Amino acid sequence: MSVCRAATTSSEGSPSTPGVRSNRTLYVVGVACLVLLAFVIYGFNTFNAQPPATTSTTSETTSYDVLATSVISGAAGYLPSGYSMGSSGALSPNETGLDGAGYAIYSSQTGAYANMTVMVFGSQPSALGYAESVISNAKTLGGYTNTNSTLSAYSHFGVCFGYAEGDPAGGEYVANGVCTKGNVYIMVHLAATSSLASAEGDAAGFVGAAYRALG
């Protein structure tokens, strides 16, 4: 809940974001909060785990000795154009083998919002197993389209899965990316009002920013 309060404060306190007090903005921020809440719920094992999904034939075995918050800070230099970071902080999901986790909320002048979550595990297999469980659960969601092609540049590092959805009511587009690099897990959730293609492209851009931060 503190994360959601931070996200709301960030959106309402950002002078560069148009219509910060509109219902639409609150809806978009609320979606980001729900995604973070899903991580917490998953961390306490309330998801129904599905068999691991095979999304890549290769995986990087490098272990990065980094803090999740450092990866997020480093990614700030490679963000898609027009985005700025708002609130950020540490997370404490209850996951076996997890060394640390963090998140950051971003906004753009066009009214888009993004949420990046980074989790650093003690080993590559732990990160891979966690990612594949999240992906398996994501595949049970209805209404989403596969957007793996937007993340193809990163799939050889481990697992990488993209999925997106347009709001049936119109006006909101959501894109997600779940990837690993060695022992680091990355997830980006992005909501935009411009177009589904824009949401997908920007989500891939945020994933790429995290990869570049890792080097």
C-alpha atoms as a PDB file:
ATOM      1  CA  MET A   1       0.000   0.000   0.000  1.00  0.00           C
ATOM      2  CA  SER A   2       2.891   2.387   0.649  1.00  0.00           C
ATOM      3  CA  VAL A   3       4.002   1.853  -2.933  1.00  0.00           C
ATOM      4  CA  CYS A   4       0.584   2.890  -4.227  1.00  0.00           C
ATOM      5  CA  ARG A   5       0.650   6.004  -2.070  1.00  0.00           C
ATOM      6  CA  ALA A   6       4.078   6.783  -3.446  1.00  0.00           C
ATOM      7  CA  ALA A   7       2.847   6.337  -7.005  1.00  0.00           C
ATOM      8  CA  THR A   8      -0.115   8.619  -6.415  1.00  0.00           C
ATOM      9  CA  THR A   9       2.049  11.260  -4.788  1.00  0.00           C
ATOM     10  CA  SER A  10       4.447  11.079  -7.687  1.00  0.00           C
ATOM     11  CA  SER A  11       1.738  11.632 -10.280  1.00  0.00           C
ATOM     12  CA  GLU A  12       0.050  14.436  -8.413  1.00  0.00           C
ATOM     13  CA  GLY A  13       3.320  16.157  -7.620  1.00  0.00           C
ATOM     14  CA  SER A  14       4.758  16.145 -11.132  1.00  0.00           C
ATOM     15  CA  PRO A  15       4.267  19.557 -12.808  1.00  0.00           C
ATOM     16  CA  SER A  16       5.136  18.152 -16.229  1.00  0.00           C
ATOM     17  CA  THR A  17       2.244  15.676 -16.315  1.00  0.00           C
ATOM     18  CA  PRO A  18      -0.999  17.065 -17.831  1.00  0.00           C
ATOM     19  CA  GLY A  19      -4.291  16.440 -16.051  1.00  0.00           C
ATOM     20  CA  VAL A  20      -2.744  14.945 -12.967  1.00  0.00           C
ATOM     21  CA  ARG A  21      -5.992  15.135 -11.032  1.00  0.00           C
ATOM     22  CA  SER A  22      -8.123  13.605 -13.792  1.00  0.00           C
ATOM     23  CA  ASN A  23      -9.877  10.284 -13.358  1.00  0.00           C
ATOM     24  CA  ARG A  24      -7.895   8.917 -16.268  1.00  0.00           C
ATOM     25  CA  THR A  25      -4.582   9.602 -14.611  1.00  0.00           C
ATOM     26  CA  LEU A  26      -5.725   8.070 -11.355  1.00  0.00           C
ATOM     27  CA  TYR A  27      -6.869   5.022 -13.305  1.00  0.00           C
ATOM     28  CA  VAL A  28      -3.476   4.606 -14.970  1.00  0.00           C
ATOM     29  CA  VAL A  29      -1.623   5.002 -11.674  1.00  0.00           C
ATOM     30  CA  GLY A  30      -4.056   2.550 -10.109  1.00  0.00           C
ATOM     31  CA  VAL A  31      -3.173  -0.025 -12.755  1.00  0.00           C
ATOM     32  CA  ALA A  32       0.501   0.375 -11.884  1.00  0.00           C
ATOM     33  CA  CYS A  33      -0.325  -0.115  -8.210  1.00  0.00           C
ATOM     34  CA  LEU A  34      -2.237  -3.281  -8.966  1.00  0.00           C
ATOM     35  CA  VAL A  35       0.800  -4.703 -10.736  1.00  0.00           C
ATOM     36  CA  LEU A  36       2.980  -4.000  -7.707  1.00  0.00           C
ATOM     37  CA  LEU A  37       0.332  -5.535  -5.493  1.00  0.00           C
ATOM     38  CA  ALA A  38       0.430  -8.624  -7.694  1.00  0.00           C
ATOM     39  CA  PHE A  39       4.144  -8.972  -6.984  1.00  0.00           C
ATOM     40  CA  VAL A  40       3.483  -8.811  -3.255  1.00  0.00           C
ATOM     41  CA  ILE A  41       0.698 -11.362  -3.530  1.00  0.00           C
ATOM     42  CA  TYR A  42       2.926 -13.617  -5.598  1.00  0.00           C
ATOM     43  CA  GLY A  43       5.708 -13.218  -3.055  1.00  0.00           C
ATOM     44  CA  PHE A  44       3.425 -14.608  -0.363  1.00  0.00           C
ATOM     45  CA  ASN A  45       2.539 -17.562  -2.578  1.00  0.00           C
ATOM     46  CA  THR A  46      -1.127 -16.758  -3.167  1.00  0.00           C
ATOM     47  CA  PHE A  47      -0.868 -17.189  -6.931  1.00  0.00           C
ATOM     48  CA  ASN A  48      -1.635 -20.633  -8.326  1.00  0.00           C
ATOM     49  CA  ALA A  49       1.744 -21.617  -9.702  1.00  0.00           C
ATOM     50  CA  GLN A  50       1.761 -22.996 -13.235  1.00  0.00           C
ATOM     51  CA  PRO A  51       4.420 -25.254 -14.786  1.00  0.00           C
ATOM     52  CA  PRO A  52       7.446 -23.245 -15.970  1.00  0.00           C
ATOM     53  CA  ALA A  53       7.153 -21.887 -19.496  1.00  0.00           C
ATOM     54  CA  THR A  54       9.958 -22.397 -21.989  1.00  0.00           C
ATOM     55  CA  THR A  55      10.513 -19.014 -23.615  1.00  0.00           C
ATOM     56  CA  SER A  56      14.181 -19.196 -24.600  1.00  0.00           C
ATOM     57  CA  THR A  57      16.666 -21.902 -25.510  1.00  0.00           C
ATOM     58  CA  THR A  58      19.642 -20.047 -24.015  1.00  0.00           C
ATOM     59  CA  SER A  59      20.288 -18.113 -20.838  1.00  0.00           C
ATOM     60  CA  GLU A  60      23.071 -15.970 -19.464  1.00  0.00           C
ATOM     61  CA  THR A  61      24.827 -17.521 -16.476  1.00  0.00           C
ATOM     62  CA  THR A  62      26.592 -14.336 -15.379  1.00  0.00           C
ATOM     63  CA  SER A  63      25.875 -13.259 -11.817  1.00  0.00           C
ATOM     64  CA  TYR A  64      25.776  -9.505 -11.266  1.00  0.00           C
ATOM     65  CA  ASP A  65      26.861  -8.220  -7.862  1.00  0.00           C
ATOM     66  CA  VAL A  66      24.534  -5.226  -7.882  1.00  0.00           C
ATOM     67  CA  LEU A  67      21.708  -3.680  -5.902  1.00  0.00           C
ATOM     68  CA  ALA A  68      18.282  -3.572  -7.517  1.00  0.00           C
ATOM     69  CA  THR A  69      18.080   0.145  -6.774  1.00  0.00           C
ATOM     70  CA  SER A  70      21.431   0.673  -8.503  1.00  0.00           C
ATOM     71  CA  VAL A  71      20.141  -0.987 -11.663  1.00  0.00           C
ATOM     72  CA  ILE A  72      17.113   1.312 -11.597  1.00  0.00           C
ATOM     73  CA  SER A  73      19.295   4.367 -11.048  1.00  0.00           C
ATOM     74  CA  GLY A  74      21.566   3.338 -13.908  1.00  0.00           C
ATOM     75  CA  ALA A  75      18.610   2.768 -16.221  1.00  0.00           C
ATOM     76  CA  ALA A  76      17.565   6.402 -15.752  1.00  0.00           C
ATOM     77  CA  GLY A  77      20.195   7.428 -18.284  1.00  0.00           C
ATOM     78  CA  TYR A  78      18.664   5.295 -21.034  1.00  0.00           C
ATOM     79  CA  LEU A  79      14.915   5.873 -20.672  1.00  0.00           C
ATOM     80  CA  PRO A  80      12.673   6.347 -23.705  1.00  0.00           C
ATOM     81  CA  SER A  81      12.415   9.996 -24.700  1.00  0.00           C
ATOM     82  CA  GLY A  82      10.062  12.166 -22.654  1.00  0.00           C
ATOM     83  CA  TYR A  83       9.963  10.099 -19.461  1.00  0.00           C
ATOM     84  CA  SER A  84      11.115  11.188 -16.022  1.00  0.00           C
ATOM     85  CA  MET A  85      11.386   9.203 -12.796  1.00  0.00           C
ATOM     86  CA  GLY A  86       8.988   9.867  -9.940  1.00  0.00           C
ATOM     87  CA  SER A  87       8.831   7.774  -6.799  1.00  0.00           C
ATOM     88  CA  SER A  88      11.136   4.802  -6.242  1.00  0.00           C
ATOM     89  CA  GLY A  89      12.150   2.542  -3.414  1.00  0.00           C
ATOM     90  CA  ALA A  90      12.967  -0.929  -2.163  1.00  0.00           C
ATOM     91  CA  LEU A  91      10.605  -3.909  -2.162  1.00  0.00           C
ATOM     92  CA  SER A  92      10.613  -6.952   0.119  1.00  0.00           C
ATOM     93  CA  PRO A  93       8.773  -9.811  -1.601  1.00  0.00           C
ATOM     94  CA  ASN A  94       9.063 -13.181   0.098  1.00  0.00           C
ATOM     95  CA  GLU A  95      10.994 -15.150  -2.519  1.00  0.00           C
ATOM     96  CA  THR A  96      13.543 -17.915  -2.020  1.00  0.00           C
ATOM     97  CA  GLY A  97      17.023 -16.872  -3.088  1.00  0.00           C
ATOM     98  CA  LEU A  98      16.186 -13.179  -3.431  1.00  0.00           C
ATOM     99  CA  ASP A  99      18.949 -10.754  -2.463  1.00  0.00           C
ATOM    100  CA  GLY A 100      17.010  -7.530  -3.019  1.00  0.00           C
ATOM    101  CA  ALA A 101      14.325  -5.783  -5.056  1.00  0.00           C
ATOM    102  CA  GLY A 102      13.287  -2.273  -5.999  1.00  0.00           C
ATOM    103  CA  TYR A 103      10.823  -0.339  -8.107  1.00  0.00           C
ATOM    104  CA  ALA A 104      10.424   3.039  -9.775  1.00  0.00           C
ATOM    105  CA  ILE A 105       7.459   4.891 -11.257  1.00  0.00           C
ATOM    106  CA  TYR A 106       7.916   7.041 -14.366  1.00  0.00           C
ATOM    107  CA  SER A 107       5.683   9.511 -16.198  1.00  0.00           C
ATOM    108  CA  SER A 108       5.754  11.311 -19.511  1.00  0.00           C
ATOM    109  CA  GLN A 109       4.343  14.610 -20.732  1.00  0.00           C
ATOM    110  CA  THR A 110       1.962  12.669 -22.973  1.00  0.00           C
ATOM    111  CA  GLY A 111       0.238  11.112 -19.956  1.00  0.00           C
ATOM    112  CA  ALA A 112       1.923   7.689 -20.034  1.00  0.00           C
ATOM    113  CA  TYR A 113       3.035   5.922 -16.869  1.00  0.00           C
ATOM    114  CA  ALA A 114       5.565   3.129 -16.412  1.00  0.00           C
ATOM    115  CA  ASN A 115       6.492   0.921 -13.492  1.00  0.00           C
ATOM    116  CA  MET A 116       9.848  -0.866 -13.485  1.00  0.00           C
ATOM    117  CA  THR A 117      10.544  -3.638 -10.985  1.00  0.00           C
ATOM    118  CA  VAL A 118      14.037  -5.129 -10.606  1.00  0.00           C
ATOM    119  CA  MET A 119      14.813  -8.174  -8.453  1.00  0.00           C
ATOM    120  CA  VAL A 120      18.352  -9.440  -7.881  1.00  0.00           C
ATOM    121  CA  PHE A 121      18.641 -13.119  -6.954  1.00  0.00           C
ATOM    122  CA  GLY A 122      21.574 -15.008  -5.542  1.00  0.00           C
ATOM    123  CA  SER A 123      21.864 -17.168  -8.661  1.00  0.00           C
ATOM    124  CA  GLN A 124      20.799 -17.297 -12.296  1.00  0.00           C
ATOM    125  CA  PRO A 125      18.568 -20.380 -11.812  1.00  0.00           C
ATOM    126  CA  SER A 126      16.611 -18.600  -9.068  1.00  0.00           C
ATOM    127  CA  ALA A 127      15.946 -15.577 -11.273  1.00  0.00           C
ATOM    128  CA  LEU A 128      15.051 -17.806 -14.206  1.00  0.00           C
ATOM    129  CA  GLY A 129      12.654 -19.925 -12.158  1.00  0.00           C
ATOM    130  CA  TYR A 130      10.896 -16.874 -10.736  1.00  0.00           C
ATOM    131  CA  ALA A 131      10.524 -15.291 -14.176  1.00  0.00           C
ATOM    132  CA  GLU A 132       9.139 -18.459 -15.722  1.00  0.00           C
ATOM    133  CA  SER A 133       6.545 -18.742 -12.939  1.00  0.00           C
ATOM    134  CA  VAL A 134       5.438 -15.140 -13.497  1.00  0.00           C
ATOM    135  CA  ILE A 135       5.272 -15.729 -17.242  1.00  0.00           C
ATOM    136  CA  SER A 136       3.227 -18.896 -16.773  1.00  0.00           C
ATOM    137  CA  ASN A 137       0.706 -16.951 -14.700  1.00  0.00           C
ATOM    138  CA  ALA A 138       0.653 -14.112 -17.231  1.00  0.00           C
ATOM    139  CA  LYS A 139      -0.240 -16.586 -19.960  1.00  0.00           C
ATOM    140  CA  THR A 140      -3.437 -17.460 -18.098  1.00  0.00           C
ATOM    141  CA  LEU A 141      -4.690 -13.863 -18.345  1.00  0.00           C
ATOM    142  CA  GLY A 142      -7.376 -13.135 -20.918  1.00  0.00           C
ATOM    143  CA  GLY A 143      -7.414 -10.372 -23.507  1.00  0.00           C
ATOM    144  CA  TYR A 144      -3.672 -10.032 -23.937  1.00  0.00           C
ATOM    145  CA  THR A 145      -1.662 -10.310 -27.138  1.00  0.00           C
ATOM    146  CA  ASN A 146       1.871 -11.691 -27.370  1.00  0.00           C
ATOM    147  CA  THR A 147       4.471  -8.979 -28.019  1.00  0.00           C
ATOM    148  CA  ASN A 148       7.645 -11.052 -27.794  1.00  0.00           C
ATOM    149  CA  SER A 149       8.878  -9.569 -31.069  1.00  0.00           C
ATOM    150  CA  THR A 150       9.425  -6.195 -29.369  1.00  0.00           C
ATOM    151  CA  LEU A 151      11.838  -7.855 -26.922  1.00  0.00           C
ATOM    152  CA  SER A 152      13.666 -10.129 -29.343  1.00  0.00           C
ATOM    153  CA  ALA A 153      16.963  -8.253 -28.862  1.00  0.00           C
ATOM    154  CA  TYR A 154      17.109  -9.457 -25.244  1.00  0.00           C
ATOM    155  CA  SER A 155      15.754 -13.003 -25.448  1.00  0.00           C
ATOM    156  CA  HIS A 156      19.210 -14.613 -25.770  1.00  0.00           C
ATOM    157  CA  PHE A 157      20.114 -13.405 -22.262  1.00  0.00           C
ATOM    158  CA  GLY A 158      17.528 -15.618 -20.582  1.00  0.00           C
ATOM    159  CA  VAL A 159      13.746 -15.625 -20.689  1.00  0.00           C
ATOM    160  CA  CYS A 160      11.896 -12.673 -22.172  1.00  0.00           C
ATOM    161  CA  PHE A 161       8.145 -12.388 -22.556  1.00  0.00           C
ATOM    162  CA  GLY A 162       6.001  -9.467 -23.675  1.00  0.00           C
ATOM    163  CA  TYR A 163       2.232  -9.042 -23.579  1.00  0.00           C
ATOM    164  CA  ALA A 164      -0.104  -6.111 -24.169  1.00  0.00           C
ATOM    165  CA  GLU A 165      -3.754  -5.155 -24.106  1.00  0.00           C
ATOM    166  CA  GLY A 166      -5.951  -2.324 -25.367  1.00  0.00           C
ATOM    167  CA  ASP A 167      -8.710  -1.014 -23.120  1.00  0.00           C
ATOM    168  CA  PRO A 168     -12.074  -2.271 -24.475  1.00  0.00           C
ATOM    169  CA  ALA A 169     -13.566   1.095 -23.480  1.00  0.00           C
ATOM    170  CA  GLY A 170     -10.927   2.888 -25.537  1.00  0.00           C
ATOM    171  CA  GLY A 171      -8.247   5.347 -24.574  1.00  0.00           C
ATOM    172  CA  GLU A 172      -5.894   3.184 -22.486  1.00  0.00           C
ATOM    173  CA  TYR A 173      -3.190   0.798 -23.688  1.00  0.00           C
ATOM    174  CA  VAL A 174      -1.102  -1.462 -21.472  1.00  0.00           C
ATOM    175  CA  ALA A 175       2.153  -3.239 -22.326  1.00  0.00           C
ATOM    176  CA  ASN A 176       4.325  -5.483 -20.156  1.00  0.00           C
ATOM    177  CA  GLY A 177       7.768  -7.004 -20.430  1.00  0.00           C
ATOM    178  CA  VAL A 178       9.231  -9.762 -18.226  1.00  0.00           C
ATOM    179  CA  CYS A 179      12.903 -10.594 -18.782  1.00  0.00           C
ATOM    180  CA  THR A 180      16.019 -11.880 -17.060  1.00  0.00           C
ATOM    181  CA  LYS A 181      19.713 -11.223 -17.466  1.00  0.00           C
ATOM    182  CA  GLY A 182      21.815 -13.613 -15.446  1.00  0.00           C
ATOM    183  CA  ASN A 183      20.609 -13.432 -11.854  1.00  0.00           C
ATOM    184  CA  VAL A 184      18.586 -10.238 -12.433  1.00  0.00           C
ATOM    185  CA  TYR A 185      14.833 -10.209 -13.044  1.00  0.00           C
ATOM    186  CA  ILE A 186      13.248  -7.216 -14.784  1.00  0.00           C
ATOM    187  CA  MET A 187       9.588  -6.392 -15.256  1.00  0.00           C
ATOM    188  CA  VAL A 188       8.129  -3.287 -16.874  1.00  0.00           C
ATOM    189  CA  HIS A 189       4.459  -2.368 -16.842  1.00  0.00           C
ATOM    190  CA  LEU A 190       3.477   0.631 -18.972  1.00  0.00           C
ATOM    191  CA  ALA A 191       0.110   2.324 -19.537  1.00  0.00           C
ATOM    192  CA  ALA A 192      -0.301   4.896 -22.310  1.00  0.00           C
ATOM    193  CA  THR A 193      -3.102   6.844 -23.955  1.00  0.00           C
ATOM    194  CA  SER A 194      -1.555   7.372 -27.402  1.00  0.00           C
ATOM    195  CA  SER A 195      -1.624   3.924 -29.020  1.00  0.00           C
ATOM    196  CA  LEU A 196      -0.963   0.259 -28.347  1.00  0.00           C
ATOM    197  CA  ALA A 197       2.109   0.354 -30.590  1.00  0.00           C
ATOM    198  CA  SER A 198       3.492   3.281 -28.588  1.00  0.00           C
ATOM    199  CA  ALA A 199       2.917   1.451 -25.298  1.00  0.00           C
ATOM    200  CA  GLU A 200       4.644  -1.664 -26.618  1.00  0.00           C
ATOM    201  CA  GLY A 201       7.605   0.295 -27.959  1.00  0.00           C
ATOM    202  CA  ASP A 202       8.104   2.293 -24.780  1.00  0.00           C
ATOM    203  CA  ALA A 203       7.812  -0.813 -22.583  1.00  0.00           C
ATOM    204  CA  ALA A 204      10.550  -2.459 -24.657  1.00  0.00           C
ATOM    205  CA  GLY A 205      12.589   0.723 -24.282  1.00  0.00           C
ATOM    206  CA  PHE A 206      12.378   0.525 -20.494  1.00  0.00           C
ATOM    207  CA  VAL A 207      13.454  -3.129 -20.533  1.00  0.00           C
ATOM    208  CA  GLY A 208      16.381  -2.125 -22.724  1.00  0.00           C
ATOM    209  CA  ALA A 209      17.315   0.653 -20.308  1.00  0.00           C
ATOM    210  CA  ALA A 210      17.618  -1.880 -17.481  1.00  0.00           C
ATOM    211  CA  TYR A 211      19.751  -4.158 -19.667  1.00  0.00           C
ATOM    212  CA  ARG A 212      22.070  -1.269 -20.547  1.00  0.00           C
ATOM    213  CA  ALA A 213      22.396  -0.392 -16.856  1.00  0.00           C
ATOM    214  CA  LEU A 214      23.685  -3.919 -16.244  1.00  0.00           C
ATOM    215  CA  GLY A 215      26.235  -3.536 -19.027  1.00  0.00           C
END
